[in-house]
């Protein structure tokens, strides 16, 4: 995992621990238009998620990730079907 992706991964893991869930399709859409971290930061009131230093690197990685993998890949390759936040953690681990 790239050091630039550790911080958002920890914050997203914290959201999952608190019971947060996002639809995979919404996570993919927000990732592709590079608004995911702003969306999550505002929705869950975590300003650090909106403003972390390596945000552009993480956004570019997720855009590439969601352009590479499709819905059928999420279950087969990452063993994730329901929570887009879990898919983000898997994507960052895969980085």
N, C-alpha and C. Protein backbone atom coordinates (compact mmCIF):
# COMPACT_ATOMS: atom_id res chain seq x y z
N UNK A 1 0.84 -1.18 0.00
CA UNK A 1 0.00 0.00 0.00
C UNK A 1 0.88 1.23 0.00
N UNK A 2 0.55 2.16 -0.85
CA UNK A 2 1.26 3.43 -0.91
C UNK A 2 1.06 4.20 0.39
N UNK A 3 2.10 4.85 0.86
CA UNK A 3 1.99 5.62 2.10
C UNK A 3 0.94 6.72 1.99
N UNK A 4 0.70 7.22 0.79
CA UNK A 4 -0.31 8.24 0.61
C UNK A 4 -1.73 7.73 0.77
N UNK A 5 -1.89 6.41 0.79
CA UNK A 5 -3.22 5.82 0.90
C UNK A 5 -3.52 5.28 2.30
N UNK A 6 -2.54 5.27 3.18
CA UNK A 6 -2.76 4.74 4.52
C UNK A 6 -3.76 5.59 5.30
N UNK A 7 -3.61 6.90 5.23
CA UNK A 7 -4.48 7.79 6.00
C UNK A 7 -5.95 7.64 5.62
N UNK A 8 -6.31 7.74 4.33
CA UNK A 8 -7.74 7.57 4.02
C UNK A 8 -8.23 6.16 4.34
N UNK A 9 -7.36 5.16 4.22
CA UNK A 9 -7.76 3.80 4.54
C UNK A 9 -8.14 3.68 6.01
N UNK A 10 -7.34 4.28 6.88
CA UNK A 10 -7.65 4.25 8.31
C UNK A 10 -8.96 4.98 8.62
N UNK A 11 -9.20 6.11 7.98
CA UNK A 11 -10.45 6.84 8.21
C UNK A 11 -11.65 6.06 7.70
N UNK A 12 -11.52 5.43 6.55
CA UNK A 12 -12.62 4.63 6.00
C UNK A 12 -12.85 3.40 6.88
N UNK A 13 -11.78 2.79 7.35
CA UNK A 13 -11.92 1.66 8.25
C UNK A 13 -12.66 2.08 9.52
N UNK A 14 -12.40 3.26 10.01
CA UNK A 14 -13.10 3.80 11.18
C UNK A 14 -14.60 3.93 10.89
N UNK A 15 -14.95 4.41 9.70
CA UNK A 15 -16.36 4.52 9.34
C UNK A 15 -17.03 3.14 9.34
N UNK A 16 -16.36 2.16 8.77
CA UNK A 16 -16.91 0.80 8.74
C UNK A 16 -17.11 0.28 10.16
N UNK A 17 -16.13 0.53 11.01
CA UNK A 17 -16.22 0.09 12.40
C UNK A 17 -17.42 0.69 13.11
N UNK A 18 -17.79 1.90 12.73
CA UNK A 18 -18.95 2.58 13.32
C UNK A 18 -20.26 2.16 12.65
N UNK A 19 -20.18 1.25 11.65
CA UNK A 19 -21.40 0.74 11.03
C UNK A 19 -21.79 1.43 9.74
N UNK A 20 -20.94 2.30 9.21
CA UNK A 20 -21.27 3.02 7.98
C UNK A 20 -21.30 2.05 6.80
N UNK A 21 -22.20 2.34 5.87
CA UNK A 21 -22.32 1.52 4.66
C UNK A 21 -22.67 2.44 3.50
N UNK A 22 -22.01 2.22 2.38
CA UNK A 22 -22.30 2.97 1.15
C UNK A 22 -22.47 1.97 0.02
N UNK A 23 -23.39 2.22 -0.86
CA UNK A 23 -23.60 1.36 -2.01
C UNK A 23 -22.36 1.37 -2.90
N UNK A 24 -22.00 0.21 -3.42
CA UNK A 24 -20.83 0.11 -4.28
C UNK A 24 -20.97 1.02 -5.49
N UNK A 25 -22.14 1.07 -6.08
CA UNK A 25 -22.35 1.89 -7.28
C UNK A 25 -22.12 3.36 -6.99
N UNK A 26 -22.54 3.82 -5.81
CA UNK A 26 -22.34 5.22 -5.43
C UNK A 26 -20.85 5.51 -5.22
N UNK A 27 -20.16 4.59 -4.56
CA UNK A 27 -18.72 4.75 -4.34
C UNK A 27 -17.99 4.81 -5.68
N UNK A 28 -18.36 3.92 -6.59
CA UNK A 28 -17.73 3.92 -7.92
C UNK A 28 -18.01 5.24 -8.64
N UNK A 29 -19.25 5.70 -8.61
CA UNK A 29 -19.61 6.95 -9.29
C UNK A 29 -18.83 8.13 -8.73
N UNK A 30 -18.81 8.24 -7.40
CA UNK A 30 -18.10 9.35 -6.75
C UNK A 30 -16.59 9.26 -7.00
N UNK A 31 -16.06 8.03 -7.07
CA UNK A 31 -14.64 7.86 -7.35
C UNK A 31 -14.30 8.29 -8.76
N UNK A 32 -15.15 7.92 -9.70
CA UNK A 32 -14.89 8.26 -11.10
C UNK A 32 -14.95 9.76 -11.36
N UNK A 33 -15.79 10.48 -10.60
CA UNK A 33 -15.84 11.93 -10.80
C UNK A 33 -15.03 12.69 -9.75
N UNK A 34 -14.21 11.94 -8.99
CA UNK A 34 -13.26 12.51 -8.02
C UNK A 34 -13.91 13.39 -6.95
N UNK A 35 -15.07 12.96 -6.49
CA UNK A 35 -15.74 13.67 -5.40
C UNK A 35 -15.97 12.79 -4.18
N UNK A 36 -15.41 11.59 -4.17
CA UNK A 36 -15.68 10.64 -3.10
C UNK A 36 -15.27 11.16 -1.73
N UNK A 37 -14.06 11.66 -1.61
CA UNK A 37 -13.58 12.06 -0.29
C UNK A 37 -14.30 13.30 0.23
N UNK A 38 -14.66 14.20 -0.64
CA UNK A 38 -15.48 15.34 -0.22
C UNK A 38 -16.85 14.87 0.25
N UNK A 39 -17.45 13.97 -0.52
CA UNK A 39 -18.76 13.41 -0.17
C UNK A 39 -18.71 12.72 1.19
N UNK A 40 -17.75 11.82 1.39
CA UNK A 40 -17.67 11.09 2.65
C UNK A 40 -17.35 12.02 3.82
N UNK A 41 -16.44 12.96 3.60
CA UNK A 41 -16.08 13.91 4.65
C UNK A 41 -17.25 14.74 5.11
N UNK A 42 -18.06 15.19 4.15
CA UNK A 42 -19.24 15.99 4.50
C UNK A 42 -20.34 15.13 5.12
N UNK A 43 -20.60 13.97 4.54
CA UNK A 43 -21.68 13.11 5.04
C UNK A 43 -21.42 12.66 6.48
N UNK A 44 -20.19 12.27 6.77
CA UNK A 44 -19.87 11.73 8.08
C UNK A 44 -19.18 12.75 8.99
N UNK A 45 -19.12 13.99 8.56
CA UNK A 45 -18.53 15.08 9.34
C UNK A 45 -17.09 14.75 9.78
N UNK A 46 -16.28 14.41 8.78
CA UNK A 46 -14.85 14.12 9.01
C UNK A 46 -14.06 15.01 8.06
N UNK A 47 -13.78 16.25 8.49
CA UNK A 47 -13.06 17.18 7.61
C UNK A 47 -11.72 16.63 7.12
N UNK A 48 -11.03 15.83 7.94
CA UNK A 48 -9.75 15.28 7.52
C UNK A 48 -9.88 14.43 6.26
N UNK A 49 -11.02 13.79 6.08
CA UNK A 49 -11.22 12.96 4.90
C UNK A 49 -11.40 13.81 3.65
N UNK A 50 -11.89 14.99 3.80
CA UNK A 50 -12.06 15.91 2.66
C UNK A 50 -10.75 16.58 2.28
N UNK A 51 -9.84 16.73 3.22
CA UNK A 51 -8.69 17.61 3.01
C UNK A 51 -7.32 16.98 3.19
N UNK A 52 -7.22 15.65 3.21
CA UNK A 52 -5.90 15.06 3.49
C UNK A 52 -4.91 15.38 2.38
N UNK A 53 -3.65 15.38 2.73
CA UNK A 53 -2.59 15.91 1.86
C UNK A 53 -2.45 15.18 0.53
N UNK A 54 -2.63 13.88 0.49
CA UNK A 54 -2.41 13.11 -0.73
C UNK A 54 -3.73 12.78 -1.43
N UNK A 55 -4.71 13.63 -1.28
CA UNK A 55 -6.04 13.40 -1.84
C UNK A 55 -6.00 13.18 -3.36
N UNK A 56 -5.27 13.98 -4.08
CA UNK A 56 -5.24 13.85 -5.55
C UNK A 56 -4.69 12.49 -5.96
N UNK A 57 -3.66 12.02 -5.28
CA UNK A 57 -3.09 10.69 -5.57
C UNK A 57 -4.14 9.60 -5.33
N UNK A 58 -4.85 9.69 -4.23
CA UNK A 58 -5.87 8.69 -3.90
C UNK A 58 -7.02 8.74 -4.90
N UNK A 59 -7.44 9.94 -5.28
CA UNK A 59 -8.53 10.07 -6.26
C UNK A 59 -8.13 9.49 -7.61
N UNK A 60 -6.92 9.75 -8.02
CA UNK A 60 -6.45 9.20 -9.30
C UNK A 60 -6.37 7.68 -9.25
N UNK A 61 -5.90 7.15 -8.14
CA UNK A 61 -5.83 5.70 -8.00
C UNK A 61 -7.23 5.08 -8.07
N UNK A 62 -8.19 5.66 -7.36
CA UNK A 62 -9.55 5.10 -7.37
C UNK A 62 -10.20 5.22 -8.74
N UNK A 63 -9.95 6.32 -9.43
CA UNK A 63 -10.49 6.46 -10.78
C UNK A 63 -9.95 5.31 -11.66
N UNK A 64 -8.67 5.06 -11.59
CA UNK A 64 -8.07 3.96 -12.35
C UNK A 64 -8.64 2.61 -11.90
N UNK A 65 -8.79 2.42 -10.60
CA UNK A 65 -9.32 1.18 -10.06
C UNK A 65 -10.70 0.89 -10.61
N UNK A 66 -11.61 1.88 -10.56
CA UNK A 66 -12.97 1.66 -11.01
C UNK A 66 -13.09 1.62 -12.53
N UNK A 67 -12.12 2.14 -13.23
CA UNK A 67 -12.09 1.97 -14.68
C UNK A 67 -11.54 0.60 -15.06
N UNK A 68 -10.81 -0.04 -14.16
CA UNK A 68 -10.22 -1.36 -14.42
C UNK A 68 -11.15 -2.50 -14.04
N UNK A 69 -11.80 -2.39 -12.89
CA UNK A 69 -12.62 -3.47 -12.38
C UNK A 69 -14.10 -3.17 -12.55
N UNK A 70 -14.90 -4.22 -12.71
CA UNK A 70 -16.34 -4.06 -12.85
C UNK A 70 -17.04 -4.78 -11.70
N UNK A 71 -18.36 -4.68 -11.68
CA UNK A 71 -19.14 -5.28 -10.60
C UNK A 71 -18.87 -6.76 -10.38
N UNK A 72 -18.71 -7.51 -11.44
CA UNK A 72 -18.46 -8.94 -11.28
C UNK A 72 -17.08 -9.20 -10.66
N UNK A 73 -16.14 -8.30 -10.85
CA UNK A 73 -14.81 -8.44 -10.27
C UNK A 73 -14.82 -8.23 -8.76
N UNK A 74 -15.72 -7.39 -8.25
CA UNK A 74 -15.73 -7.07 -6.83
C UNK A 74 -15.93 -8.33 -6.00
N UNK A 75 -16.89 -9.15 -6.39
CA UNK A 75 -17.17 -10.39 -5.64
C UNK A 75 -16.06 -11.42 -5.87
N UNK A 76 -15.70 -11.61 -7.11
CA UNK A 76 -14.74 -12.66 -7.45
C UNK A 76 -13.34 -12.34 -6.93
N UNK A 77 -12.87 -11.14 -7.19
CA UNK A 77 -11.48 -10.79 -6.87
C UNK A 77 -11.30 -10.29 -5.43
N UNK A 78 -12.28 -9.54 -4.93
CA UNK A 78 -12.12 -8.90 -3.63
C UNK A 78 -13.05 -9.46 -2.55
N UNK A 79 -13.96 -10.37 -2.94
CA UNK A 79 -14.89 -11.00 -2.01
C UNK A 79 -15.80 -9.98 -1.32
N UNK A 80 -16.23 -8.97 -2.07
CA UNK A 80 -17.09 -7.91 -1.54
C UNK A 80 -18.31 -7.76 -2.44
N UNK A 81 -19.48 -7.73 -1.81
CA UNK A 81 -20.72 -7.61 -2.56
C UNK A 81 -21.59 -6.44 -2.14
N UNK A 82 -21.48 -5.99 -0.89
CA UNK A 82 -22.50 -5.09 -0.37
C UNK A 82 -22.04 -3.71 0.07
N UNK A 83 -20.86 -3.57 0.61
CA UNK A 83 -20.46 -2.29 1.18
C UNK A 83 -19.31 -1.68 0.39
N UNK A 84 -19.60 -0.56 -0.25
CA UNK A 84 -18.58 0.12 -1.03
C UNK A 84 -17.40 0.60 -0.20
N UNK A 85 -17.61 0.83 1.09
CA UNK A 85 -16.50 1.23 1.95
C UNK A 85 -15.51 0.09 2.12
N UNK A 86 -16.02 -1.14 2.24
CA UNK A 86 -15.12 -2.30 2.29
C UNK A 86 -14.35 -2.43 0.99
N UNK A 87 -15.00 -2.12 -0.13
CA UNK A 87 -14.32 -2.20 -1.42
C UNK A 87 -13.19 -1.17 -1.49
N UNK A 88 -13.39 0.01 -0.91
CA UNK A 88 -12.33 1.02 -0.88
C UNK A 88 -11.11 0.52 -0.11
N UNK A 89 -11.35 -0.11 1.03
CA UNK A 89 -10.23 -0.65 1.81
C UNK A 89 -9.50 -1.70 0.98
N UNK A 90 -10.26 -2.59 0.33
CA UNK A 90 -9.64 -3.62 -0.51
C UNK A 90 -8.86 -2.98 -1.66
N UNK A 91 -9.40 -1.94 -2.25
CA UNK A 91 -8.72 -1.26 -3.35
C UNK A 91 -7.39 -0.67 -2.88
N UNK A 92 -7.40 -0.04 -1.70
CA UNK A 92 -6.18 0.58 -1.20
C UNK A 92 -5.16 -0.48 -0.79
N UNK A 93 -5.61 -1.61 -0.26
CA UNK A 93 -4.70 -2.70 0.07
C UNK A 93 -4.05 -3.22 -1.21
N UNK A 94 -4.83 -3.25 -2.28
CA UNK A 94 -4.39 -3.74 -3.59
C UNK A 94 -3.39 -2.78 -4.26
N UNK A 95 -3.30 -1.56 -3.76
CA UNK A 95 -2.45 -0.53 -4.38
C UNK A 95 -0.98 -0.87 -4.30
